[in-house]
Amino acid sequence: MGSLIGVTSFSLNWTTGIWFFQPIFALLFAAGALRPNYGPWNISFGVPVVAIIVIIKWIRTGRHALAADRTDEGIEAIA
């Protein structure tokens, strides 16, 4: 569930091309679009910090698991 929430926000005003950054902001599904009445579109996206942490941990544990599998295969091949 935590991977669905973006923690910071980067927003783009589609008409003017101005970027906004909000360090403390929460976006559900880490993306959004807003258009006030007769105003320009504002497109926003957040950084899914929880998803990034999970991916980093998965990569770190995956490499260790692969290294352990390789050593097990090497031992079996020798025996």
N, C-alpha and C. Protein backbone atom coordinates (compact mmCIF):
# COMPACT_ATOMS: atom_id res chain seq x y z
N MET A 1 0.81 -1.20 0.00
CA MET A 1 0.00 0.00 0.00
C MET A 1 0.86 1.26 0.00
N GLY A 2 1.99 1.19 0.65
CA GLY A 2 2.85 2.37 0.72
C GLY A 2 3.41 2.78 -0.62
N SER A 3 3.48 1.84 -1.56
CA SER A 3 4.03 2.18 -2.87
C SER A 3 3.05 2.98 -3.72
N LEU A 4 1.81 3.10 -3.29
CA LEU A 4 0.82 3.87 -4.04
C LEU A 4 0.84 5.35 -3.68
N ILE A 5 1.62 5.73 -2.68
CA ILE A 5 1.63 7.11 -2.22
C ILE A 5 2.95 7.77 -2.56
N GLY A 6 2.88 8.91 -3.24
CA GLY A 6 4.07 9.70 -3.53
C GLY A 6 4.31 10.68 -2.40
N VAL A 7 5.55 10.86 -2.01
CA VAL A 7 5.85 11.68 -0.84
C VAL A 7 6.12 13.13 -1.21
N THR A 8 6.89 13.39 -2.21
CA THR A 8 7.12 14.76 -2.66
C THR A 8 6.34 14.98 -3.95
N SER A 9 6.25 16.22 -4.39
CA SER A 9 5.47 16.50 -5.59
C SER A 9 6.24 17.38 -6.56
N PHE A 10 6.26 16.97 -7.81
CA PHE A 10 6.74 17.79 -8.90
C PHE A 10 5.53 18.11 -9.76
N SER A 11 5.29 19.40 -10.02
CA SER A 11 4.12 19.80 -10.80
C SER A 11 4.55 20.63 -11.99
N LEU A 12 3.83 20.46 -13.08
CA LEU A 12 4.09 21.21 -14.30
C LEU A 12 2.83 21.94 -14.71
N ASN A 13 2.94 23.26 -14.88
CA ASN A 13 1.86 24.04 -15.45
C ASN A 13 1.95 23.88 -16.96
N TRP A 14 0.98 23.21 -17.55
CA TRP A 14 1.06 22.83 -18.96
C TRP A 14 1.12 24.03 -19.90
N THR A 15 0.48 25.13 -19.56
CA THR A 15 0.43 26.29 -20.44
C THR A 15 1.72 27.10 -20.40
N THR A 16 2.21 27.37 -19.20
CA THR A 16 3.40 28.22 -19.06
C THR A 16 4.71 27.44 -19.03
N GLY A 17 4.64 26.15 -18.71
CA GLY A 17 5.85 25.34 -18.63
C GLY A 17 6.62 25.52 -17.34
N ILE A 18 6.00 26.15 -16.34
CA ILE A 18 6.67 26.38 -15.06
C ILE A 18 6.56 25.12 -14.21
N TRP A 19 7.71 24.72 -13.61
CA TRP A 19 7.77 23.57 -12.72
C TRP A 19 7.68 24.03 -11.28
N PHE A 20 6.98 23.28 -10.46
CA PHE A 20 6.89 23.52 -9.03
C PHE A 20 7.40 22.28 -8.30
N PHE A 21 8.05 22.49 -7.17
CA PHE A 21 8.50 21.38 -6.34
C PHE A 21 7.98 21.61 -4.93
N GLN A 22 7.30 20.61 -4.38
CA GLN A 22 6.82 20.69 -3.01
C GLN A 22 7.40 19.50 -2.24
N PRO A 23 8.34 19.76 -1.32
CA PRO A 23 9.01 18.66 -0.63
C PRO A 23 8.10 17.87 0.30
N ILE A 24 7.10 18.50 0.89
CA ILE A 24 6.19 17.79 1.79
C ILE A 24 4.81 17.81 1.15
N PHE A 25 4.46 16.68 0.54
CA PHE A 25 3.19 16.58 -0.18
C PHE A 25 2.88 15.11 -0.37
N ALA A 26 1.64 14.74 -0.35
CA ALA A 26 1.26 13.34 -0.56
C ALA A 26 0.30 13.24 -1.73
N LEU A 27 0.60 12.35 -2.66
CA LEU A 27 -0.25 12.10 -3.82
C LEU A 27 -0.67 10.64 -3.82
N LEU A 28 -1.94 10.39 -3.93
CA LEU A 28 -2.42 9.03 -4.04
C LEU A 28 -2.16 8.53 -5.46
N PHE A 29 -1.65 7.34 -5.59
CA PHE A 29 -1.21 6.73 -6.84
C PHE A 29 -0.02 7.46 -7.45
N ALA A 30 0.59 8.36 -6.69
CA ALA A 30 1.82 9.07 -7.06
C ALA A 30 1.70 9.88 -8.34
N ALA A 31 0.49 10.20 -8.76
CA ALA A 31 0.31 11.04 -9.95
C ALA A 31 -1.04 11.73 -9.88
N GLY A 32 -1.16 12.82 -10.62
CA GLY A 32 -2.44 13.52 -10.65
C GLY A 32 -2.45 14.61 -11.70
N ALA A 33 -3.64 15.03 -12.07
CA ALA A 33 -3.83 16.13 -13.01
C ALA A 33 -4.98 16.99 -12.49
N LEU A 34 -4.82 18.29 -12.60
CA LEU A 34 -5.82 19.22 -12.09
C LEU A 34 -6.01 20.33 -13.12
N ARG A 35 -7.26 20.68 -13.34
CA ARG A 35 -7.55 21.80 -14.23
C ARG A 35 -8.63 22.64 -13.57
N PRO A 36 -8.26 23.82 -13.05
CA PRO A 36 -9.29 24.71 -12.49
C PRO A 36 -10.22 25.19 -13.61
N ASN A 37 -11.35 25.74 -13.25
CA ASN A 37 -12.29 26.23 -14.27
C ASN A 37 -11.60 27.20 -15.23
N TYR A 38 -11.57 26.82 -16.47
CA TYR A 38 -10.99 27.63 -17.55
C TYR A 38 -9.54 28.01 -17.29
N GLY A 39 -8.83 27.23 -16.53
CA GLY A 39 -7.43 27.49 -16.24
C GLY A 39 -6.54 26.47 -16.92
N PRO A 40 -5.24 26.62 -16.77
CA PRO A 40 -4.31 25.68 -17.39
C PRO A 40 -4.26 24.35 -16.62
N TRP A 41 -3.90 23.31 -17.32
CA TRP A 41 -3.71 22.00 -16.70
C TRP A 41 -2.46 22.02 -15.84
N ASN A 42 -2.53 21.40 -14.68
CA ASN A 42 -1.37 21.18 -13.81
C ASN A 42 -1.21 19.68 -13.66
N ILE A 43 -0.08 19.16 -14.09
CA ILE A 43 0.20 17.74 -14.02
C ILE A 43 1.23 17.52 -12.92
N SER A 44 0.94 16.60 -12.01
CA SER A 44 1.81 16.36 -10.86
C SER A 44 2.20 14.89 -10.78
N PHE A 45 3.39 14.64 -10.27
CA PHE A 45 3.79 13.28 -9.95
C PHE A 45 4.65 13.32 -8.69
N GLY A 46 4.53 12.25 -7.92
CA GLY A 46 5.27 12.14 -6.68
C GLY A 46 6.29 11.03 -6.76
N VAL A 47 7.21 11.03 -5.83
CA VAL A 47 8.24 10.00 -5.77
C VAL A 47 7.75 8.92 -4.81
N PRO A 48 7.52 7.70 -5.29
CA PRO A 48 7.05 6.62 -4.40
C PRO A 48 8.21 6.06 -3.57
N VAL A 49 8.49 6.68 -2.46
CA VAL A 49 9.66 6.35 -1.65
C VAL A 49 9.60 4.91 -1.14
N VAL A 50 8.43 4.46 -0.71
CA VAL A 50 8.31 3.10 -0.18
C VAL A 50 8.63 2.08 -1.28
N ALA A 51 8.15 2.33 -2.49
CA ALA A 51 8.44 1.41 -3.60
C ALA A 51 9.94 1.39 -3.92
N ILE A 52 10.58 2.52 -3.86
CA ILE A 52 12.03 2.58 -4.13
C ILE A 52 12.79 1.81 -3.05
N ILE A 53 12.39 1.94 -1.79
CA ILE A 53 13.05 1.21 -0.70
C ILE A 53 12.87 -0.29 -0.90
N VAL A 54 11.67 -0.72 -1.26
CA VAL A 54 11.41 -2.15 -1.47
C VAL A 54 12.25 -2.69 -2.62
N ILE A 55 12.34 -1.94 -3.71
CA ILE A 55 13.14 -2.38 -4.86
C ILE A 55 14.61 -2.49 -4.49
N ILE A 56 15.13 -1.52 -3.75
CA ILE A 56 16.54 -1.57 -3.33
C ILE A 56 16.79 -2.78 -2.45
N LYS A 57 15.89 -3.03 -1.49
CA LYS A 57 16.06 -4.21 -0.62
C LYS A 57 15.96 -5.50 -1.43
N TRP A 58 15.05 -5.55 -2.38
CA TRP A 58 14.88 -6.73 -3.21
C TRP A 58 16.13 -7.01 -4.03
N ILE A 59 16.72 -5.95 -4.59
CA ILE A 59 17.95 -6.12 -5.37
C ILE A 59 19.08 -6.61 -4.48
N ARG A 60 19.21 -6.02 -3.30
CA ARG A 60 20.29 -6.43 -2.39
C ARG A 60 20.13 -7.88 -1.94
N THR A 61 18.94 -8.28 -1.57
CA THR A 61 18.75 -9.67 -1.13
C THR A 61 18.78 -10.63 -2.31
N GLY A 62 18.36 -10.20 -3.46
CA GLY A 62 18.40 -11.04 -4.65
C GLY A 62 19.81 -11.38 -5.05
N ARG A 63 20.71 -10.45 -4.95
CA ARG A 63 22.11 -10.70 -5.30
C ARG A 63 22.74 -11.68 -4.33
N HIS A 64 22.42 -11.55 -3.05
CA HIS A 64 22.97 -12.48 -2.07
C HIS A 64 22.40 -13.88 -2.29
N ALA A 65 21.13 -13.95 -2.60
CA ALA A 65 20.51 -15.26 -2.84
C ALA A 65 21.11 -15.91 -4.09
N LEU A 66 21.37 -15.12 -5.12
CA LEU A 66 21.98 -15.67 -6.33
C LEU A 66 23.39 -16.15 -6.05
N ALA A 67 24.14 -15.41 -5.26
CA ALA A 67 25.51 -15.83 -4.92
C ALA A 67 25.47 -17.12 -4.12
N ALA A 68 24.52 -17.27 -3.21
CA ALA A 68 24.41 -18.50 -2.42
C ALA A 68 24.04 -19.67 -3.32
N ASP A 69 23.16 -19.45 -4.30
CA ASP A 69 22.79 -20.52 -5.23
C ASP A 69 24.00 -20.95 -6.05
N ARG A 70 24.80 -20.02 -6.47
CA ARG A 70 25.98 -20.36 -7.27
C ARG A 70 26.97 -21.19 -6.47
N THR A 71 27.18 -20.84 -5.20
CA THR A 71 28.12 -21.63 -4.39
C THR A 71 27.56 -23.00 -4.11
N ASP A 72 26.26 -23.13 -3.91
CA ASP A 72 25.65 -24.46 -3.71
C ASP A 72 25.81 -25.33 -4.95
N GLU A 73 25.64 -24.74 -6.12
CA GLU A 73 25.79 -25.50 -7.37
C GLU A 73 27.24 -25.94 -7.55
N GLY A 74 28.17 -25.08 -7.16
CA GLY A 74 29.58 -25.42 -7.28
C GLY A 74 29.96 -26.56 -6.36
N ILE A 75 29.41 -26.59 -5.16
CA ILE A 75 29.69 -27.67 -4.21
C ILE A 75 29.11 -28.98 -4.73
N GLU A 76 27.90 -28.94 -5.27
CA GLU A 76 27.30 -30.16 -5.79
C GLU A 76 28.06 -30.69 -7.00
N ALA A 77 28.58 -29.77 -7.82
CA ALA A 77 29.32 -30.19 -9.00
C ALA A 77 30.63 -30.89 -8.62
N ILE A 78 31.26 -30.41 -7.54
CA ILE A 78 32.51 -31.02 -7.09
C ILE A 78 32.28 -32.39 -6.46
N ALA A 79 31.18 -32.49 -5.69
CA ALA A 79 30.89 -33.76 -5.00
C ALA A 79 30.38 -34.75 -6.00
